[in-house]
N, C-alpha and C. Protein backbone atom coordinates (compact mmCIF):
# COMPACT_ATOMS: atom_id res chain seq x y z
N MET A 1 123.05 139.00 136.10
CA MET A 1 123.94 140.07 135.75
C MET A 1 125.33 139.48 135.57
N ARG A 2 126.02 140.00 134.59
CA ARG A 2 127.41 139.62 134.39
C ARG A 2 128.16 140.76 133.73
N LYS A 3 129.44 140.68 133.69
CA LYS A 3 130.30 141.71 133.14
C LYS A 3 129.87 142.05 131.71
N GLY A 4 129.78 143.34 131.42
CA GLY A 4 129.46 143.79 130.09
C GLY A 4 128.00 144.15 129.87
N LEU A 5 127.10 143.75 130.76
CA LEU A 5 125.69 144.08 130.61
C LEU A 5 125.40 145.40 131.34
N LEU A 6 124.44 146.15 130.81
CA LEU A 6 124.14 147.47 131.35
C LEU A 6 123.28 147.41 132.60
N MET A 7 123.59 148.32 133.52
CA MET A 7 122.77 148.53 134.70
C MET A 7 122.84 150.01 135.05
N GLY A 8 121.80 150.51 135.68
CA GLY A 8 121.77 151.91 136.10
C GLY A 8 121.68 151.98 137.61
N ALA A 9 122.35 152.95 138.19
CA ALA A 9 122.31 153.12 139.64
C ALA A 9 122.02 154.58 139.95
N SER A 10 121.16 154.81 140.93
CA SER A 10 120.92 156.16 141.41
C SER A 10 121.18 156.17 142.90
N GLY A 11 121.65 157.29 143.37
CA GLY A 11 121.98 157.40 144.79
C GLY A 11 122.79 158.65 145.02
N ARG A 12 123.84 158.50 145.80
CA ARG A 12 124.66 159.67 146.14
C ARG A 12 126.12 159.26 146.29
N ILE A 13 126.97 160.26 146.23
CA ILE A 13 128.40 160.08 146.48
C ILE A 13 128.70 160.73 147.82
N GLN A 14 129.41 160.02 148.68
CA GLN A 14 129.77 160.61 149.97
C GLN A 14 131.27 160.46 150.18
N THR A 15 131.82 161.40 150.88
CA THR A 15 133.24 161.35 151.23
C THR A 15 133.38 161.36 152.74
N ARG A 16 134.43 160.73 153.19
CA ARG A 16 134.72 160.72 154.63
C ARG A 16 136.22 160.56 154.79
N SER A 17 136.69 160.75 155.99
CA SER A 17 138.12 160.57 156.26
C SER A 17 138.28 159.95 157.65
N TYR A 18 139.40 159.31 157.81
CA TYR A 18 139.72 158.74 159.12
C TYR A 18 141.24 158.68 159.26
N ASP A 19 141.70 158.56 160.50
CA ASP A 19 143.13 158.46 160.77
C ASP A 19 143.52 156.99 160.77
N HIS A 20 144.46 156.63 159.89
CA HIS A 20 144.96 155.26 159.81
C HIS A 20 145.79 154.96 161.04
N LYS A 21 145.92 153.69 161.37
CA LYS A 21 146.67 153.33 162.58
C LYS A 21 148.13 153.73 162.53
N ASP A 22 148.68 153.95 161.31
CA ASP A 22 150.07 154.40 161.23
C ASP A 22 150.19 155.92 161.28
N GLY A 23 149.05 156.61 161.49
CA GLY A 23 149.09 158.05 161.74
C GLY A 23 148.70 158.95 160.57
N HIS A 24 148.64 158.44 159.34
CA HIS A 24 148.27 159.34 158.25
C HIS A 24 146.76 159.33 158.02
N LYS A 25 146.28 160.44 157.47
CA LYS A 25 144.84 160.61 157.24
C LYS A 25 144.46 159.94 155.92
N VAL A 26 143.37 159.18 155.93
CA VAL A 26 142.89 158.47 154.75
C VAL A 26 141.56 159.10 154.33
N TYR A 27 141.44 159.43 153.04
CA TYR A 27 140.21 159.99 152.50
C TYR A 27 139.54 158.92 151.64
N VAL A 28 138.22 158.77 151.81
CA VAL A 28 137.46 157.75 151.11
C VAL A 28 136.29 158.41 150.41
N THR A 29 136.08 158.05 149.14
CA THR A 29 134.90 158.47 148.40
C THR A 29 134.09 157.22 148.09
N GLU A 30 132.81 157.24 148.46
CA GLU A 30 131.96 156.06 148.29
C GLU A 30 130.73 156.41 147.45
N VAL A 31 130.30 155.47 146.64
CA VAL A 31 129.04 155.58 145.92
C VAL A 31 128.01 154.78 146.72
N VAL A 32 126.97 155.44 147.18
CA VAL A 32 125.91 154.79 147.95
C VAL A 32 124.70 154.68 147.03
N ALA A 33 124.45 153.46 146.54
CA ALA A 33 123.34 153.24 145.61
C ALA A 33 122.04 153.08 146.39
N GLU A 34 121.03 153.85 146.01
CA GLU A 34 119.72 153.73 146.63
C GLU A 34 118.76 152.92 145.76
N GLU A 35 119.04 152.86 144.46
CA GLU A 35 118.21 152.08 143.54
C GLU A 35 119.10 151.59 142.41
N ILE A 36 118.95 150.33 142.03
CA ILE A 36 119.68 149.75 140.92
C ILE A 36 118.68 149.12 139.97
N LYS A 37 118.85 149.40 138.68
CA LYS A 37 117.99 148.79 137.66
C LYS A 37 118.87 148.03 136.68
N PHE A 38 118.47 146.83 136.37
CA PHE A 38 119.17 146.05 135.36
C PHE A 38 118.58 146.43 134.01
N LEU A 39 119.41 146.98 133.13
CA LEU A 39 118.94 147.48 131.84
C LEU A 39 119.10 146.45 130.73
N GLN A 40 119.87 145.42 130.97
CA GLN A 40 120.01 144.30 130.04
C GLN A 40 120.01 143.02 130.84
N TRP A 41 119.52 141.96 130.23
CA TRP A 41 119.49 140.65 130.86
C TRP A 41 120.20 139.66 129.96
N ALA A 42 120.89 138.69 130.53
CA ALA A 42 121.56 137.66 129.75
C ALA A 42 120.51 136.76 129.11
N ASN A 43 120.76 136.38 127.89
CA ASN A 43 119.87 135.47 127.17
C ASN A 43 120.42 134.06 127.37
N ASP A 44 119.68 133.19 128.05
CA ASP A 44 120.16 131.85 128.38
C ASP A 44 120.48 130.99 127.16
N LYS A 45 119.80 131.23 126.04
CA LYS A 45 120.00 130.40 124.86
C LYS A 45 121.33 130.67 124.18
N ASN A 46 121.85 131.88 124.32
CA ASN A 46 123.10 132.25 123.68
C ASN A 46 123.85 133.17 124.63
N ASP A 47 124.93 132.70 125.21
CA ASP A 47 125.66 133.47 126.23
C ASP A 47 126.14 134.81 125.73
N ASN A 48 126.42 134.97 124.45
CA ASN A 48 126.95 136.22 123.94
C ASN A 48 125.87 137.23 123.60
N ALA A 49 124.61 136.84 123.60
CA ALA A 49 123.53 137.75 123.24
C ALA A 49 122.89 138.32 124.50
N ALA A 50 122.37 139.53 124.37
CA ALA A 50 121.63 140.14 125.46
C ALA A 50 120.44 140.86 124.85
N TYR A 51 119.38 140.97 125.61
CA TYR A 51 118.25 141.75 125.14
C TYR A 51 117.92 142.79 126.20
N SER A 52 117.42 143.91 125.74
CA SER A 52 117.13 145.01 126.66
C SER A 52 115.82 144.79 127.37
N GLY A 53 115.73 145.40 128.51
CA GLY A 53 114.44 145.47 129.15
C GLY A 53 114.21 144.46 130.23
N GLY A 54 113.01 144.41 130.62
CA GLY A 54 112.51 143.58 131.69
C GLY A 54 111.11 144.07 131.95
N SER A 55 110.38 143.44 132.80
CA SER A 55 108.99 143.82 133.01
C SER A 55 108.83 145.22 133.57
N ASP A 56 109.82 145.73 134.33
CA ASP A 56 109.69 147.06 134.90
C ASP A 56 110.64 148.08 134.27
N TYR A 57 111.16 147.78 133.11
CA TYR A 57 112.11 148.67 132.44
C TYR A 57 111.37 149.90 131.92
N ASP A 58 111.81 151.08 132.31
CA ASP A 58 111.17 152.30 131.82
C ASP A 58 112.18 153.29 131.28
N GLY A 59 113.35 152.84 130.91
CA GLY A 59 114.34 153.70 130.28
C GLY A 59 115.10 154.57 131.26
N TYR A 60 115.59 155.69 130.76
CA TYR A 60 116.46 156.56 131.53
C TYR A 60 115.76 157.83 132.00
N GLU A 61 114.44 157.95 131.81
CA GLU A 61 113.76 159.20 132.08
C GLU A 61 113.92 159.69 133.52
N ASP A 62 114.00 158.79 134.49
CA ASP A 62 114.06 159.21 135.89
C ASP A 62 115.48 159.37 136.42
N MET A 63 116.49 159.23 135.56
CA MET A 63 117.88 159.39 135.98
C MET A 63 118.36 160.80 135.65
N THR A 64 119.03 161.43 136.59
CA THR A 64 119.53 162.78 136.40
C THR A 64 120.94 162.71 135.82
N PRO A 65 121.15 163.30 134.63
CA PRO A 65 122.49 163.29 134.05
C PRO A 65 123.42 164.20 134.86
N ILE A 66 124.67 163.81 134.99
CA ILE A 66 125.65 164.65 135.67
C ILE A 66 126.84 164.86 134.74
N ASP A 67 127.46 165.98 134.89
CA ASP A 67 128.64 166.32 134.10
C ASP A 67 129.83 165.59 134.70
N ASP A 68 130.69 165.04 133.85
CA ASP A 68 131.87 164.32 134.34
C ASP A 68 132.75 165.20 135.22
N GLY A 69 132.67 166.52 135.06
CA GLY A 69 133.45 167.42 135.89
C GLY A 69 132.96 167.46 137.33
N ASP A 70 131.75 166.98 137.59
CA ASP A 70 131.19 166.96 138.94
C ASP A 70 131.64 165.75 139.74
N ILE A 71 132.24 164.77 139.08
CA ILE A 71 132.64 163.54 139.75
C ILE A 71 134.06 163.73 140.29
N PRO A 72 134.30 163.42 141.56
CA PRO A 72 135.60 163.72 142.17
C PRO A 72 136.72 162.73 141.85
N PHE A 73 136.51 161.80 140.95
CA PHE A 73 137.59 160.85 140.64
C PHE A 73 137.73 160.67 139.17
């Protein structure tokens, strides 16, 4: 995997808060990935080329689309 190649992640978003040592409250939003799939692989013969797939690649059918308005950031 390297920058620019596609990967898919499924999981959940969680938020939490804590009191910082200087007294103010800090809010944190985290993405907790439960499954990651590499959707493209680097082609060793040509660094700039990539090909889709892999032996277990099955597309996007099992990923649930979300509206950008549902994302808190």
